[in-house]
Amino acid sequence: MSVANETRVGPVLPMLVFLGVVSTAVGSLGAPLLVTIADVDDVSLAASQWTLTISLLVGAVASPVLGRLADGPHRRPVILSATAVVCIGCVLSALPFGFGWLMIGRAMQGVGLGLVPLAITAARDALPAHRVGSGIALLGVTTAAGLGVGYPMAGFVTEYLGLAAAFWFGAAVSGVAFLLAAWLLPASSARPRRRVDVTGAVLLGTWVTALLLVCSQGPDWGWTSPRLLGALAATLVVLAGWTFWELRTTHPLVELRLLRHRSVLAADITVVLVGLGIYPLLSLVVRYVQAPTGIGYGFGASTLVSGLMLVPYSIASFAASRVTRRLLRRMSLETVVAVNCVVLIAAMVLFLTTRANLIMLLVTMILAGFGVGCIFAVHPAQIVRGVPAEETGSATSFYQVLRYIGYSAGSALSATLLIGTVPAGEDTPTDTGYDAAAWFGIAALVVALAAATILSRGTSPAATDPRAAVTDSERAAVAVKP
């Protein structure tokens, strides 16, 4: 490392955390603004939901592509380019060009959701060995904390300055993130350039899009209609084709063989189920708090107030990263995940039974933020423990793909459950729609708990793949560093 780079190591981690928070916050801007977008652009609530789903979809496809590029010698320009795309996307969304251009801008913002795996890869290379574990754990929660930061900020700006101002604000903070990265981000380690699996990326985007179409269009098409069953069959066929291609090609977009490592498999399975179960809670709470009191539920709150409901979620997520390191002195990574699945189930049960009480809604968000923060702090450590250094970007990016698939499917299905209860001639779901969405989340989290428990058997904190280029000092930092 050069002298210039050595002097920059100190602020590298704060810069990477800021980059992760900003990219996630911008990518999630659609959630607190769904009702406002529907009003301003004169579209249905179902259509406005796609301003959130499209960014998650693009993030799911962009993550492994960026991750594969980052495993080569060009991580720095890849990070800077992706951040620039996010900034331009915010500008397009802010300009008064109509709903179509807003969707294009939101898609570009989704590219930023692939930056967290790159930040983890950069941290593994740039940080001293004794700081790698704690740095990765902190970066792991930026996606959760970014949601809690983005929602209230978007709500505040929209409330007083209008919808376009929220995206102008996103452009400004993305620009700051770009400048900080350009100044502080060191070059990647000397590694051979990796080819990008274009065929794999196309197949991945195809089956993920088809899956989200099935989830979102079920009520309109009918869950047993030939059109929906055909789309589901197409999803499975393309998924099978993608899997076959990734296992046979010389330079796969995602090295699926790494799933043979139990800790990597555990992280990848549970993140999908946790995303399905808990991510919808964020938009459910925002919608519920904004609902007019005249319909029999809700608080009639402004966009600002509903966004502030997620501040406890964000604070608890960051606090969890500190608590997690203490928990790991007493239990394995997998046990921490299982315990916090129970915490998330408790949060969803509270939402189901006590959401009419504003204080209990805040308690629900604290529990949800803490549980998600602990789980997302542990998952990157599980993955890093099981993969060689040169595959870190690819492995963590595939993890992000699965996370966003869980987020996207959960968001689409919960919206489907809500919209399915809207009375004819009205545009507001009934209270039973929130019950159905809560039960869906609870079911997904129970399955996540079962999966985490089963996969924790026979796994020890020190277990590692013999190919993994993870040093003893890194593993110790992951497990016990305060």
Protein backbone atom coordinates (compact mmCIF):
# COMPACT_ATOMS: atom_id res chain seq x y z
CA MET A 1 0.00 0.00 0.00
CA SER A 2 1.39 3.41 -0.92
CA VAL A 3 2.01 6.15 1.64
CA ALA A 4 -0.88 8.14 0.17
CA ASN A 5 -3.22 5.18 0.58
CA GLU A 6 -1.97 4.46 4.10
CA THR A 7 -2.97 7.94 5.22
CA ARG A 8 -6.48 7.37 3.85
CA VAL A 9 -7.19 4.05 5.60
CA GLY A 10 -8.59 5.84 8.69
CA PRO A 11 -11.58 7.48 6.95
CA VAL A 12 -12.13 4.63 4.45
CA LEU A 13 -14.62 2.74 6.63
CA PRO A 14 -16.79 5.82 7.43
CA MET A 15 -16.78 6.62 3.71
CA LEU A 16 -17.87 3.09 2.81
CA VAL A 17 -20.60 3.16 5.46
CA PHE A 18 -21.84 6.50 4.10
CA LEU A 19 -21.82 5.08 0.57
CA GLY A 20 -23.84 2.05 1.70
CA VAL A 21 -26.38 4.12 3.61
CA VAL A 22 -26.82 6.65 0.78
CA SER A 23 -27.20 4.01 -1.94
CA THR A 24 -29.78 2.08 0.10
CA ALA A 25 -31.64 5.22 1.17
CA VAL A 26 -31.89 6.45 -2.42
CA GLY A 27 -32.88 3.03 -3.70
CA SER A 28 -35.70 2.88 -1.15
CA LEU A 29 -37.00 6.39 -1.82
CA GLY A 30 -40.08 4.98 -3.50
CA ALA A 31 -41.57 3.39 -0.36
CA PRO A 32 -42.61 6.47 1.65
CA LEU A 33 -43.59 8.31 -1.53
CA LEU A 34 -45.96 5.74 -3.08
CA VAL A 35 -49.14 7.62 -2.18
CA THR A 36 -47.65 10.97 -3.25
CA ILE A 37 -46.42 9.52 -6.57
CA ALA A 38 -49.89 8.10 -7.26
CA ASP A 39 -51.45 11.54 -6.66
CA VAL A 40 -48.86 13.66 -8.49
CA ASP A 41 -48.54 11.43 -11.57
CA ASP A 42 -52.20 10.39 -11.59
CA VAL A 43 -51.52 6.65 -11.54
CA SER A 44 -52.96 3.84 -9.44
CA LEU A 45 -51.41 2.79 -6.16
CA ALA A 46 -50.54 -0.54 -7.78
CA ALA A 47 -48.66 1.31 -10.54
CA SER A 48 -46.84 3.52 -8.04
CA GLN A 49 -45.71 0.36 -6.22
CA TRP A 50 -43.56 -0.43 -9.25
CA THR A 51 -41.42 2.66 -8.58
CA LEU A 52 -40.14 0.70 -5.59
CA THR A 53 -40.15 -2.76 -7.15
CA ILE A 54 -38.21 -1.69 -10.27
CA SER A 55 -35.29 -0.36 -8.22
CA LEU A 56 -35.15 -3.64 -6.26
CA LEU A 57 -35.31 -5.61 -9.51
CA VAL A 58 -32.45 -3.64 -11.07
CA GLY A 59 -30.51 -3.97 -7.82
CA ALA A 60 -30.93 -7.74 -7.94
CA VAL A 61 -29.43 -7.92 -11.43
CA ALA A 62 -26.81 -5.18 -10.97
CA SER A 63 -25.40 -6.66 -7.75
CA PRO A 64 -23.68 -9.74 -9.24
CA VAL A 65 -22.55 -7.84 -12.34
CA LEU A 66 -20.91 -5.13 -10.26
CA GLY A 67 -19.59 -7.75 -7.86
CA ARG A 68 -17.92 -9.69 -10.64
CA LEU A 69 -16.37 -6.52 -12.04
CA ALA A 70 -15.20 -5.61 -8.54
CA ASP A 71 -13.38 -8.93 -8.15
CA GLY A 72 -10.99 -7.76 -10.87
CA PRO A 73 -8.60 -4.81 -10.90
CA HIS A 74 -11.27 -2.16 -11.61
CA ARG A 75 -13.25 -1.97 -8.37
CA ARG A 76 -12.63 1.76 -7.88
CA PRO A 77 -13.97 2.87 -11.31
CA VAL A 78 -16.88 0.43 -10.97
CA ILE A 79 -17.92 1.99 -7.65
CA LEU A 80 -17.55 5.51 -8.99
CA SER A 81 -19.50 4.69 -12.16
CA ALA A 82 -22.35 3.07 -10.25
CA THR A 83 -22.58 6.04 -7.88
CA ALA A 84 -22.70 8.41 -10.86
CA VAL A 85 -25.55 6.39 -12.40
CA VAL A 86 -27.51 6.70 -9.15
CA CYS A 87 -27.00 10.47 -9.14
CA ILE A 88 -28.18 10.81 -12.75
CA GLY A 89 -31.19 8.61 -11.99
CA CYS A 90 -32.19 10.96 -9.18
CA VAL A 91 -31.99 13.91 -11.55
CA LEU A 92 -34.23 12.16 -14.12
CA SER A 93 -36.78 11.35 -11.41
CA ALA A 94 -36.80 14.94 -10.21
CA LEU A 95 -37.43 16.49 -13.64
CA PRO A 96 -41.10 16.95 -14.68
CA PHE A 97 -41.01 14.50 -17.59
CA GLY A 98 -43.84 12.23 -16.42
CA PHE A 99 -44.25 8.81 -14.86
CA GLY A 100 -42.29 6.96 -17.56
CA TRP A 101 -39.13 8.98 -16.93
CA LEU A 102 -39.65 8.63 -13.19
CA MET A 103 -39.57 4.84 -13.67
CA ILE A 104 -36.36 5.08 -15.71
CA GLY A 105 -34.78 7.21 -13.00
CA ARG A 106 -35.88 4.77 -10.29
CA ALA A 107 -34.35 1.90 -12.30
CA MET A 108 -31.04 3.76 -12.46
CA GLN A 109 -31.19 4.38 -8.72
CA GLY A 110 -31.51 0.62 -8.27
CA VAL A 111 -27.95 0.23 -9.56
CA GLY A 112 -26.79 1.70 -6.25
CA LEU A 113 -28.24 -1.26 -4.37
CA GLY A 114 -25.30 -3.27 -5.70
CA LEU A 115 -22.76 -1.01 -3.99
CA VAL A 116 -22.86 -2.62 -0.54
CA PRO A 117 -21.16 -5.87 -1.69
CA LEU A 118 -18.49 -3.75 -3.35
CA ALA A 119 -18.03 -1.81 -0.12
CA ILE A 120 -17.58 -5.09 1.77
CA THR A 121 -14.98 -6.23 -0.75
CA ALA A 122 -13.16 -2.91 -0.47
CA ALA A 123 -13.21 -3.14 3.34
CA ARG A 124 -11.71 -6.63 3.25
CA ASP A 125 -8.81 -5.35 1.15
CA ALA A 126 -8.28 -1.88 2.62
CA LEU A 127 -8.75 -2.28 6.37
CA PRO A 128 -6.16 -3.64 8.80
CA ALA A 129 -6.78 -7.29 9.70
CA HIS A 130 -7.97 -6.48 13.22
CA ARG A 131 -10.68 -4.15 11.84
CA VAL A 132 -11.97 -6.31 9.01
CA GLY A 133 -14.54 -8.23 11.07
CA SER A 134 -16.10 -5.24 12.79
CA GLY A 135 -16.01 -3.24 9.55
CA ILE A 136 -17.83 -5.95 7.59
CA ALA A 137 -20.42 -6.31 10.36
CA LEU A 138 -21.08 -2.56 10.28
CA LEU A 139 -21.39 -2.54 6.49
CA GLY A 140 -23.78 -5.46 6.72
CA VAL A 141 -26.38 -3.32 8.51
CA THR A 142 -26.12 -0.29 6.21
CA THR A 143 -28.88 -1.68 3.99
CA ALA A 144 -31.22 -1.89 6.97
CA ALA A 145 -30.17 1.43 8.46
CA GLY A 146 -30.34 3.16 5.08
CA LEU A 147 -34.06 2.44 4.91
CA GLY A 148 -34.61 4.11 8.26
CA VAL A 149 -32.61 7.14 7.15
CA GLY A 150 -34.15 7.44 3.69
CA TYR A 151 -37.80 7.24 4.72
CA PRO A 152 -37.90 10.17 7.19
CA MET A 153 -35.62 12.35 5.05
CA ALA A 154 -37.80 11.74 1.99
CA GLY A 155 -40.89 12.42 4.07
CA PHE A 156 -39.51 15.68 5.45
CA VAL A 157 -38.39 17.04 2.07
CA THR A 158 -41.61 15.96 0.31
CA GLU A 159 -43.80 17.42 3.03
CA TYR A 160 -42.33 20.92 2.75
CA LEU A 161 -40.77 21.10 -0.72
CA GLY A 162 -42.67 18.62 -2.88
CA LEU A 163 -42.01 15.29 -4.56
CA ALA A 164 -39.33 16.52 -6.97
CA ALA A 165 -37.30 17.95 -4.08
CA ALA A 166 -36.95 14.45 -2.56
CA PHE A 167 -35.16 13.27 -5.69
CA TRP A 168 -33.07 16.45 -5.93
CA PHE A 169 -31.98 15.72 -2.37
CA GLY A 170 -31.10 12.18 -3.43
CA ALA A 171 -29.01 13.60 -6.29
CA ALA A 172 -27.17 15.89 -3.86
CA VAL A 173 -26.23 13.19 -1.33
CA SER A 174 -25.29 10.80 -4.15
CA GLY A 175 -23.00 13.49 -5.52
CA VAL A 176 -21.36 13.88 -2.11
CA ALA A 177 -20.89 10.10 -1.91
CA PHE A 178 -19.26 10.16 -5.36
CA LEU A 179 -16.83 12.90 -4.35
CA LEU A 180 -15.88 11.16 -1.10
CA ALA A 181 -15.31 7.86 -2.91
CA ALA A 182 -13.21 9.59 -5.57
CA TRP A 183 -11.07 11.12 -2.82
CA LEU A 184 -10.73 8.25 -0.34
CA LEU A 185 -11.33 4.95 -2.09
CA PRO A 186 -8.06 3.06 -2.65
CA ALA A 187 -7.35 1.01 -5.75
CA SER A 188 -8.16 -2.69 -5.53
CA SER A 189 -5.52 -5.34 -5.00
CA ALA A 190 -3.73 -6.60 -8.08
CA ARG A 191 -5.95 -9.41 -9.33
CA PRO A 192 -6.63 -10.76 -12.82
CA ARG A 193 -9.48 -9.23 -14.74
CA ARG A 194 -12.63 -11.35 -14.67
CA ARG A 195 -14.94 -11.71 -17.64
CA VAL A 196 -18.54 -10.71 -17.09
CA ASP A 197 -21.04 -13.48 -17.76
CA VAL A 198 -23.46 -11.55 -19.97
CA THR A 199 -25.61 -14.62 -20.71
CA GLY A 200 -25.91 -15.34 -17.00
CA ALA A 201 -26.90 -11.72 -16.30
CA VAL A 202 -29.64 -11.83 -18.97
CA LEU A 203 -31.02 -15.13 -17.67
CA LEU A 204 -30.91 -13.85 -14.09
CA GLY A 205 -32.82 -10.69 -15.01
CA THR A 206 -35.37 -12.73 -16.95
CA TRP A 207 -36.31 -15.16 -14.18
CA VAL A 208 -36.29 -12.50 -11.46
CA THR A 209 -38.58 -10.27 -13.55
CA ALA A 210 -40.91 -13.18 -14.27
CA LEU A 211 -41.02 -14.08 -10.58
CA LEU A 212 -41.96 -10.53 -9.58
CA LEU A 213 -44.59 -10.45 -12.30
CA VAL A 214 -46.18 -13.57 -10.84
CA CYS A 215 -46.13 -12.10 -7.33
CA SER A 216 -47.59 -8.74 -8.33
CA GLN A 217 -50.17 -9.81 -10.92
CA GLY A 218 -51.77 -12.69 -9.03
CA PRO A 219 -54.97 -10.82 -8.03
CA ASP A 220 -55.51 -9.34 -11.49
CA TRP A 221 -54.80 -12.50 -13.47
CA GLY A 222 -56.11 -14.98 -10.91
CA TRP A 223 -53.80 -17.27 -8.94
CA THR A 224 -54.92 -20.32 -10.92
CA SER A 225 -55.30 -18.64 -14.32
CA PRO A 226 -53.44 -20.14 -17.31
CA ARG A 227 -51.56 -16.86 -17.82
CA LEU A 228 -50.19 -16.83 -14.27
CA LEU A 229 -49.38 -20.54 -14.23
CA GLY A 230 -47.63 -20.09 -17.56
CA ALA A 231 -45.54 -17.21 -16.16
CA LEU A 232 -44.66 -19.34 -13.13
CA ALA A 233 -43.64 -22.25 -15.35
CA ALA A 234 -41.51 -19.88 -17.45
CA THR A 235 -39.86 -18.60 -14.28
CA LEU A 236 -38.91 -22.11 -13.19
CA VAL A 237 -37.64 -23.07 -16.64
CA VAL A 238 -35.42 -19.98 -16.96
CA LEU A 239 -34.21 -20.43 -13.36
CA ALA A 240 -33.22 -24.02 -14.15
CA GLY A 241 -31.50 -22.87 -17.34
CA TRP A 242 -29.62 -20.14 -15.47
CA THR A 243 -28.48 -22.61 -12.81
CA PHE A 244 -27.26 -25.07 -15.46
CA TRP A 245 -25.42 -22.28 -17.29
CA GLU A 246 -23.74 -20.94 -14.15
CA LEU A 247 -22.53 -24.43 -13.20
CA ARG A 248 -21.13 -25.16 -16.68
CA THR A 249 -19.67 -21.86 -17.87
CA THR A 250 -15.97 -21.13 -17.35
CA HIS A 251 -16.51 -17.67 -15.88
CA PRO A 252 -19.89 -17.71 -14.08
CA LEU A 253 -21.60 -14.55 -12.95
CA VAL A 254 -22.22 -16.31 -9.62
CA GLU A 255 -20.12 -19.21 -8.38
CA LEU A 256 -23.00 -21.41 -7.22
CA ARG A 257 -20.62 -24.12 -6.02
CA LEU A 258 -19.80 -21.90 -3.06
CA LEU A 259 -23.25 -22.80 -1.72
CA ARG A 260 -21.76 -26.15 -0.73
CA HIS A 261 -20.31 -24.34 2.27
CA ARG A 262 -22.92 -24.58 5.03
CA SER A 263 -22.46 -21.04 6.38
CA VAL A 264 -22.82 -19.49 2.89
CA LEU A 265 -25.93 -21.57 2.24
CA ALA A 266 -27.38 -20.58 5.61
CA ALA A 267 -26.89 -16.86 4.92
CA ASP A 268 -28.37 -17.10 1.42
CA ILE A 269 -31.47 -19.05 2.43
CA THR A 270 -32.32 -17.02 5.50
CA VAL A 271 -31.85 -13.66 3.78
CA VAL A 272 -34.56 -14.51 1.24
CA LEU A 273 -36.99 -15.54 3.96
CA VAL A 274 -36.17 -12.60 6.23
CA GLY A 275 -36.61 -10.24 3.27
CA LEU A 276 -39.98 -11.82 2.48
CA GLY A 277 -41.10 -11.61 6.08
CA ILE A 278 -39.88 -8.28 7.42
CA TYR A 279 -39.31 -5.88 4.51
CA PRO A 280 -43.05 -5.44 3.82
CA LEU A 281 -43.43 -4.21 7.40
CA LEU A 282 -41.73 -0.94 6.49
CA SER A 283 -44.19 0.04 3.78
CA LEU A 284 -47.10 -1.43 5.78
CA VAL A 285 -46.33 0.85 8.72
CA VAL A 286 -45.93 3.89 6.47
CA ARG A 287 -49.25 3.22 4.75
CA TYR A 288 -51.08 2.41 7.97
CA VAL A 289 -49.94 5.60 9.70
CA GLN A 290 -50.88 7.69 6.65
CA ALA A 291 -54.35 6.11 6.34
CA PRO A 292 -57.15 8.61 7.13
CA THR A 293 -58.86 7.98 10.46
CA GLY A 294 -62.29 8.18 8.82
CA ILE A 295 -61.94 4.69 7.32
CA GLY A 296 -61.83 3.04 10.74
CA TYR A 297 -58.08 2.69 11.22
CA GLY A 298 -54.88 4.64 10.73
CA PHE A 299 -53.69 7.96 12.12
CA GLY A 300 -54.08 10.34 9.17
CA ALA A 301 -50.42 11.31 9.51
CA SER A 302 -48.39 13.30 7.00
CA THR A 303 -45.63 11.88 4.83
CA LEU A 304 -43.12 13.38 7.27
CA VAL A 305 -44.61 11.76 10.36
CA SER A 306 -45.02 8.39 8.68
CA GLY A 307 -41.39 8.53 7.56
CA LEU A 308 -40.27 9.32 11.10
CA MET A 309 -41.80 6.03 12.20
CA LEU A 310 -38.75 4.34 10.71
CA VAL A 311 -36.16 6.31 12.69
CA PRO A 312 -36.31 3.81 15.59
CA TYR A 313 -35.81 1.03 13.04
CA SER A 314 -32.63 2.69 11.75
CA ILE A 315 -31.22 3.45 15.21
CA ALA A 316 -31.91 -0.08 16.43
CA SER A 317 -30.22 -1.52 13.32
CA PHE A 318 -26.99 0.35 14.01
CA ALA A 319 -27.15 -0.49 17.72
CA ALA A 320 -27.56 -4.15 16.84
CA SER A 321 -24.16 -4.22 15.12
CA ARG A 322 -22.57 -3.39 18.48
CA VAL A 323 -24.64 -5.90 20.43
CA THR A 324 -23.94 -8.62 17.87
CA ARG A 325 -20.22 -8.61 18.59
CA ARG A 326 -20.99 -9.26 22.25
CA LEU A 327 -23.42 -12.06 21.38
CA LEU A 328 -20.79 -13.75 19.24
CA ARG A 329 -18.62 -14.25 22.29
CA ARG A 330 -21.25 -16.67 23.61
CA MET A 331 -22.86 -18.25 20.55
CA SER A 332 -22.21 -19.13 16.93
CA LEU A 333 -23.05 -16.97 13.96
CA GLU A 334 -25.92 -19.29 13.03
CA THR A 335 -27.39 -19.23 16.53
CA VAL A 336 -27.43 -15.41 16.50
CA VAL A 337 -29.45 -15.57 13.27
CA ALA A 338 -31.93 -18.05 14.75
CA VAL A 339 -32.43 -16.03 17.94
CA ASN A 340 -33.09 -12.87 15.99
CA CYS A 341 -35.57 -14.61 13.72
CA VAL A 342 -37.58 -15.03 16.94
CA VAL A 343 -37.20 -11.29 17.57
CA LEU A 344 -38.56 -10.53 14.10
CA ILE A 345 -41.49 -12.89 14.58
CA ALA A 346 -42.29 -11.02 17.80
CA ALA A 347 -42.21 -7.72 15.89
CA MET A 348 -44.68 -9.00 13.29
CA VAL A 349 -46.98 -10.40 16.00
CA LEU A 350 -46.98 -6.98 17.66
CA PHE A 351 -47.91 -5.34 14.37
CA LEU A 352 -50.71 -7.86 13.91
CA THR A 353 -52.19 -7.35 17.39
CA THR A 354 -51.30 -3.83 18.60
CA ARG A 355 -50.87 -1.58 15.54
CA ALA A 356 -53.79 0.65 16.55
CA ASN A 357 -51.53 1.97 19.33
CA LEU A 358 -48.89 4.38 18.06
CA ILE A 359 -46.48 3.62 20.91
CA MET A 360 -46.67 -0.09 20.17
CA LEU A 361 -45.98 0.62 16.51
CA LEU A 362 -42.75 2.32 17.59
CA VAL A 363 -41.86 -0.68 19.76
CA THR A 364 -42.55 -2.90 16.75
CA MET A 365 -40.11 -0.90 14.64
CA ILE A 366 -37.42 -1.06 17.34
CA LEU A 367 -37.71 -4.83 17.54
CA ALA A 368 -37.69 -5.15 13.76
CA GLY A 369 -34.65 -2.91 13.39
CA PHE A 370 -32.73 -4.75 16.10
CA GLY A 371 -33.50 -8.19 14.68
CA VAL A 372 -32.66 -7.22 11.12
CA GLY A 373 -29.52 -5.41 12.25
CA CYS A 374 -28.20 -8.47 14.09
CA ILE A 375 -28.95 -10.83 11.22
CA PHE A 376 -27.52 -8.59 8.52
CA ALA A 377 -24.40 -7.96 10.63
CA VAL A 378 -23.79 -11.71 10.87
CA HIS A 379 -24.56 -12.73 7.27
CA PRO A 380 -21.49 -11.10 5.64
CA ALA A 381 -19.28 -12.79 8.25
CA GLN A 382 -20.84 -16.14 7.37
CA ILE A 383 -20.11 -15.56 3.70
CA VAL A 384 -16.57 -14.20 4.15
CA ARG A 385 -15.80 -17.22 6.34
CA GLY A 386 -16.74 -19.57 3.52
CA VAL A 387 -15.24 -18.08 0.36
CA PRO A 388 -11.75 -17.31 -0.96
CA ALA A 389 -10.81 -13.64 -1.09
CA GLU A 390 -11.05 -13.46 -4.88
CA GLU A 391 -14.70 -14.60 -4.75
CA THR A 392 -15.82 -12.20 -2.00
CA GLY A 393 -17.42 -9.72 -4.39
CA SER A 394 -19.28 -12.40 -6.33
CA ALA A 395 -20.49 -14.25 -3.21
CA THR A 396 -21.67 -11.16 -1.36
CA SER A 397 -23.31 -9.86 -4.53
CA PHE A 398 -25.31 -13.06 -4.97
CA TYR A 399 -26.34 -12.69 -1.35
CA GLN A 400 -27.56 -9.20 -2.24
CA VAL A 401 -29.45 -10.64 -5.22
CA LEU A 402 -31.29 -13.00 -2.90
CA ARG A 403 -31.92 -10.21 -0.40
CA TYR A 404 -33.50 -8.01 -3.06
CA ILE A 405 -35.50 -10.92 -4.42
CA GLY A 406 -36.86 -11.40 -0.91
CA TYR A 407 -37.50 -7.67 -0.60
CA SER A 408 -39.14 -7.44 -4.03
CA ALA A 409 -41.31 -10.52 -3.67
CA GLY A 410 -42.31 -9.54 -0.14
CA SER A 411 -43.14 -6.01 -1.24
CA ALA A 412 -45.17 -7.22 -4.22
CA LEU A 413 -47.03 -9.92 -2.29
CA SER A 414 -47.86 -7.66 0.66
CA ALA A 415 -49.13 -4.99 -1.74
CA THR A 416 -51.16 -7.69 -3.48
CA LEU A 417 -52.74 -8.73 -0.18
CA LEU A 418 -53.59 -5.11 0.63
CA ILE A 419 -54.96 -4.24 -2.80
CA GLY A 420 -57.04 -7.41 -2.76
CA THR A 421 -59.11 -5.96 0.11
CA VAL A 422 -59.88 -2.60 -1.53
CA PRO A 423 -63.70 -2.32 -1.79
CA ALA A 424 -65.17 -1.75 -5.24
CA GLY A 425 -65.17 1.92 -6.18
CA GLU A 426 -62.66 2.88 -3.46
CA ASP A 427 -58.89 3.15 -3.29
CA THR A 428 -58.10 2.32 0.35
CA PRO A 429 -57.48 -1.23 1.66
CA THR A 430 -59.48 -2.53 4.60
CA ASP A 431 -57.90 -3.29 7.95
CA THR A 432 -58.09 -7.02 7.23
CA GLY A 433 -55.58 -6.51 4.42
CA TYR A 434 -52.98 -5.53 7.02
CA ASP A 435 -53.85 -8.67 9.00
CA ALA A 436 -53.28 -10.83 5.92
CA ALA A 437 -49.95 -9.15 5.17
CA ALA A 438 -48.84 -9.59 8.79
CA TRP A 439 -49.72 -13.30 8.76
CA PHE A 440 -47.75 -13.69 5.53
CA GLY A 441 -44.71 -12.08 7.17
CA ILE A 442 -45.02 -14.27 10.25
CA ALA A 443 -45.20 -17.43 8.13
CA ALA A 444 -42.07 -16.46 6.16
CA LEU A 445 -40.15 -15.70 9.35
CA VAL A 446 -41.17 -19.01 10.97
CA VAL A 447 -39.72 -20.80 7.94
CA ALA A 448 -36.58 -18.63 8.26
CA LEU A 449 -36.26 -19.69 11.91
CA ALA A 450 -36.61 -23.37 10.95
CA ALA A 451 -34.00 -23.01 8.19
CA ALA A 452 -31.54 -21.17 10.45
CA THR A 453 -31.96 -23.79 13.17
CA ILE A 454 -31.47 -26.74 10.84
CA LEU A 455 -28.45 -25.22 9.08
CA SER A 456 -26.80 -24.31 12.41
CA ARG A 457 -26.37 -27.98 13.28
CA GLY A 458 -22.83 -29.17 12.85
CA THR A 459 -21.50 -25.66 12.18
CA SER A 460 -18.92 -24.21 14.54
CA PRO A 461 -17.80 -20.58 14.73
CA ALA A 462 -14.34 -21.53 13.50
CA ALA A 463 -15.49 -23.70 10.62
CA THR A 464 -14.08 -22.54 7.33
CA ASP A 465 -13.74 -23.74 3.79
CA PRO A 466 -10.18 -24.94 3.14
CA ARG A 467 -10.04 -22.75 0.04
CA ALA A 468 -11.05 -19.60 1.90
CA ALA A 469 -8.45 -16.87 1.99
CA VAL A 470 -9.61 -15.62 5.37
CA THR A 471 -6.86 -15.21 7.93
CA ASP A 472 -7.09 -16.26 11.55
CA SER A 473 -6.99 -12.63 12.59
CA GLU A 474 -9.95 -11.85 10.31
CA ARG A 475 -11.98 -14.72 11.74
CA ALA A 476 -11.18 -13.60 15.26
CA ALA A 477 -12.18 -10.05 14.39
CA VAL A 478 -15.48 -11.29 12.98
CA ALA A 479 -16.18 -13.38 16.05
CA VAL A 480 -15.02 -11.40 19.07
CA LYS A 481 -13.69 -7.94 18.34
CA PRO A 482 -15.46 -5.27 20.47
